C-alpha atoms as a PDB file:
ATOM      1  CA  MET A   1     -46.035-157.142-107.711  1.00  0.00           C
ATOM      2  CA  ALA A   2     -45.731-159.482-110.684  1.00  0.00           C
ATOM      3  CA  SER A   3     -43.270-158.263-113.299  1.00  0.00           C
ATOM      4  CA  ASN A   4     -43.457-158.754-117.062  1.00  0.00           C
ATOM      5  CA  SER A   5     -40.934-161.586-116.816  1.00  0.00           C
ATOM      6  CA  CYS A   6     -42.793-163.221-113.924  1.00  0.00           C
ATOM      7  CA  GLN A   7     -43.039-166.945-114.564  1.00  0.00           C
ATOM      8  CA  PRO A   8     -44.313-168.698-111.444  1.00  0.00           C
ATOM      9  CA  GLU A   9     -43.409-172.354-110.982  1.00  0.00           C
ATOM     10  CA  ASN A  10     -45.909-174.808-109.476  1.00  0.00           C
ATOM     11  CA  VAL A  11     -45.107-175.789-105.904  1.00  0.00           C
ATOM     12  CA  PHE A  12     -48.411-177.460-104.989  1.00  0.00           C
ATOM     13  CA  SER A  13     -51.734-178.168-106.666  1.00  0.00           C
ATOM     14  CA  SER A  14     -55.013-179.471-105.293  1.00  0.00           C
ATOM     15  CA  SER A  15     -58.667-179.372-106.224  1.00  0.00           C
ATOM     16  CA  THR A  16     -59.067-176.064-104.343  1.00  0.00           C
ATOM     17  CA  CYS A  17     -55.882-174.126-105.058  1.00  0.00           C
ATOM     18  CA  ASP A  18     -52.571-173.903-106.859  1.00  0.00           C
ATOM     19  CA  ILE A  19     -49.525-172.506-105.097  1.00  0.00           C
ATOM     20  CA  GLN A  20     -46.686-171.174-107.190  1.00  0.00           C
ATOM     21  CA  PHE A  21     -43.373-169.432-106.542  1.00  0.00           C
ATOM     22  CA  CYS A  22     -41.745-166.983-108.936  1.00  0.00           C
ATOM     23  CA  PRO A  23     -37.947-166.826-108.686  1.00  0.00           C
ATOM     24  CA  ASP A  24     -38.013-163.534-110.631  1.00  0.00           C
ATOM     25  CA  CYS A  25     -40.310-161.496-108.373  1.00  0.00           C
ATOM     26  CA  LYS A  26     -39.669-163.691-105.272  1.00  0.00           C
ATOM     27  CA  MET A  27     -43.391-163.906-104.594  1.00  0.00           C
ATOM     28  CA  VAL A  28     -45.691-166.782-103.722  1.00  0.00           C
ATOM     29  CA  HIS A  29     -48.835-166.881-105.867  1.00  0.00           C
ATOM     30  CA  VAL A  30     -51.864-168.573-104.303  1.00  0.00           C
ATOM     31  CA  ASN A  31     -54.502-169.197-106.978  1.00  0.00           C
ATOM     32  CA  MET A  32     -58.037-170.073-105.871  1.00  0.00           C
ATOM     33  CA  GLY A  33     -60.289-170.045-108.916  1.00  0.00           C
ATOM     34  CA  ALA A  34     -60.646-166.449-110.080  1.00  0.00           C
ATOM     35  CA  ILE A  35     -58.679-165.132-107.084  1.00  0.00           C
ATOM     36  CA  THR A  36     -54.884-164.862-106.971  1.00  0.00           C
ATOM     37  CA  ILE A  37     -53.098-163.654-103.863  1.00  0.00           C
ATOM     38  CA  ARG A  38     -49.431-162.695-104.154  1.00  0.00           C
ATOM     39  CA  MET A  39     -47.252-162.398-101.072  1.00  0.00           C
ATOM     40  CA  THR A  40     -43.659-162.692 -99.959  1.00  0.00           C
ATOM     41  CA  GLU A  41     -42.387-166.091 -98.900  1.00  0.00           C
ATOM     42  CA  GLN A  42     -42.204-164.934 -95.260  1.00  0.00           C
ATOM     43  CA  HIS A  43     -45.762-163.581 -95.377  1.00  0.00           C
ATOM     44  CA  PHE A  44     -46.941-166.859 -96.931  1.00  0.00           C
ATOM     45  CA  ALA A  45     -45.252-168.855 -94.147  1.00  0.00           C
ATOM     46  CA  THR A  46     -46.941-166.723 -91.485  1.00  0.00           C
ATOM     47  CA  TYR A  47     -50.265-166.926 -93.332  1.00  0.00           C
ATOM     48  CA  ALA A  48     -50.025-170.735 -93.463  1.00  0.00           C
ATOM     49  CA  ILE A  49     -49.449-170.859 -89.692  1.00  0.00           C
ATOM     50  CA  ASP A  50     -52.393-168.514 -89.094  1.00  0.00           C
ATOM     51  CA  ILE A  51     -54.693-170.620 -91.303  1.00  0.00           C
ATOM     52  CA  SER A  52     -53.632-173.765 -89.426  1.00  0.00           C
ATOM     53  CA  LYS A  53     -54.337-172.096 -86.085  1.00  0.00           C
ATOM     54  CA  ALA A  54     -57.742-170.899 -87.285  1.00  0.00           C
ATOM     55  CA  LEU A  55     -58.658-174.399 -88.461  1.00  0.00           C
ATOM     56  CA  PHE A  56     -57.574-175.836 -85.113  1.00  0.00           C
ATOM     57  CA  HIS A  57     -59.737-173.332 -83.213  1.00  0.00           C
ATOM     58  CA  MET A  58     -62.711-174.040 -85.471  1.00  0.00           C
ATOM     59  CA  ARG A  59     -62.362-177.785 -84.848  1.00  0.00           C
ATOM     60  CA  GLN A  60     -62.044-177.228 -81.093  1.00  0.00           C
ATOM     61  CA  ARG A  61     -65.210-175.138 -81.172  1.00  0.00           C
ATOM     62  CA  GLU A  62     -67.065-177.878 -83.078  1.00  0.00           C
ATOM     63  CA  ILE A  63     -65.930-180.477 -80.531  1.00  0.00           C
ATOM     64  CA  HIS A  64     -67.012-178.250 -77.635  1.00  0.00           C
ATOM     65  CA  GLN A  65     -70.437-177.643 -79.207  1.00  0.00           C
ATOM     66  CA  ALA A  66     -70.910-181.382 -79.835  1.00  0.00           C
ATOM     67  CA  ASP A  67     -69.962-182.124 -76.211  1.00  0.00           C
ATOM     68  CA  MET A  68     -72.491-179.548 -75.008  1.00  0.00           C
ATOM     69  CA  ARG A  69     -75.258-181.164 -77.084  1.00  0.00           C
ATOM     70  CA  VAL A  70     -74.449-184.591 -75.606  1.00  0.00           C
ATOM     71  CA  MET A  71     -74.599-183.196 -72.067  1.00  0.00           C
ATOM     72  CA  MET A  72     -78.136-181.823 -72.601  1.00  0.00           C
END
């Protein structure tokens, strides 16, 4: 949980999110508009892998569906 002295430092910014790390609370803060998710660095690393895998599977599904439409 964020402490009173929590001062996250920007790690990455884009048009959809800001990712920060706080050396005080040792948490990664993922800010997406009005939503902020705080997690440990290890949890963030695992989450990033899971998101990448999900995106890959979604793209594979899109390719498969497009191939099926062409075959019809």
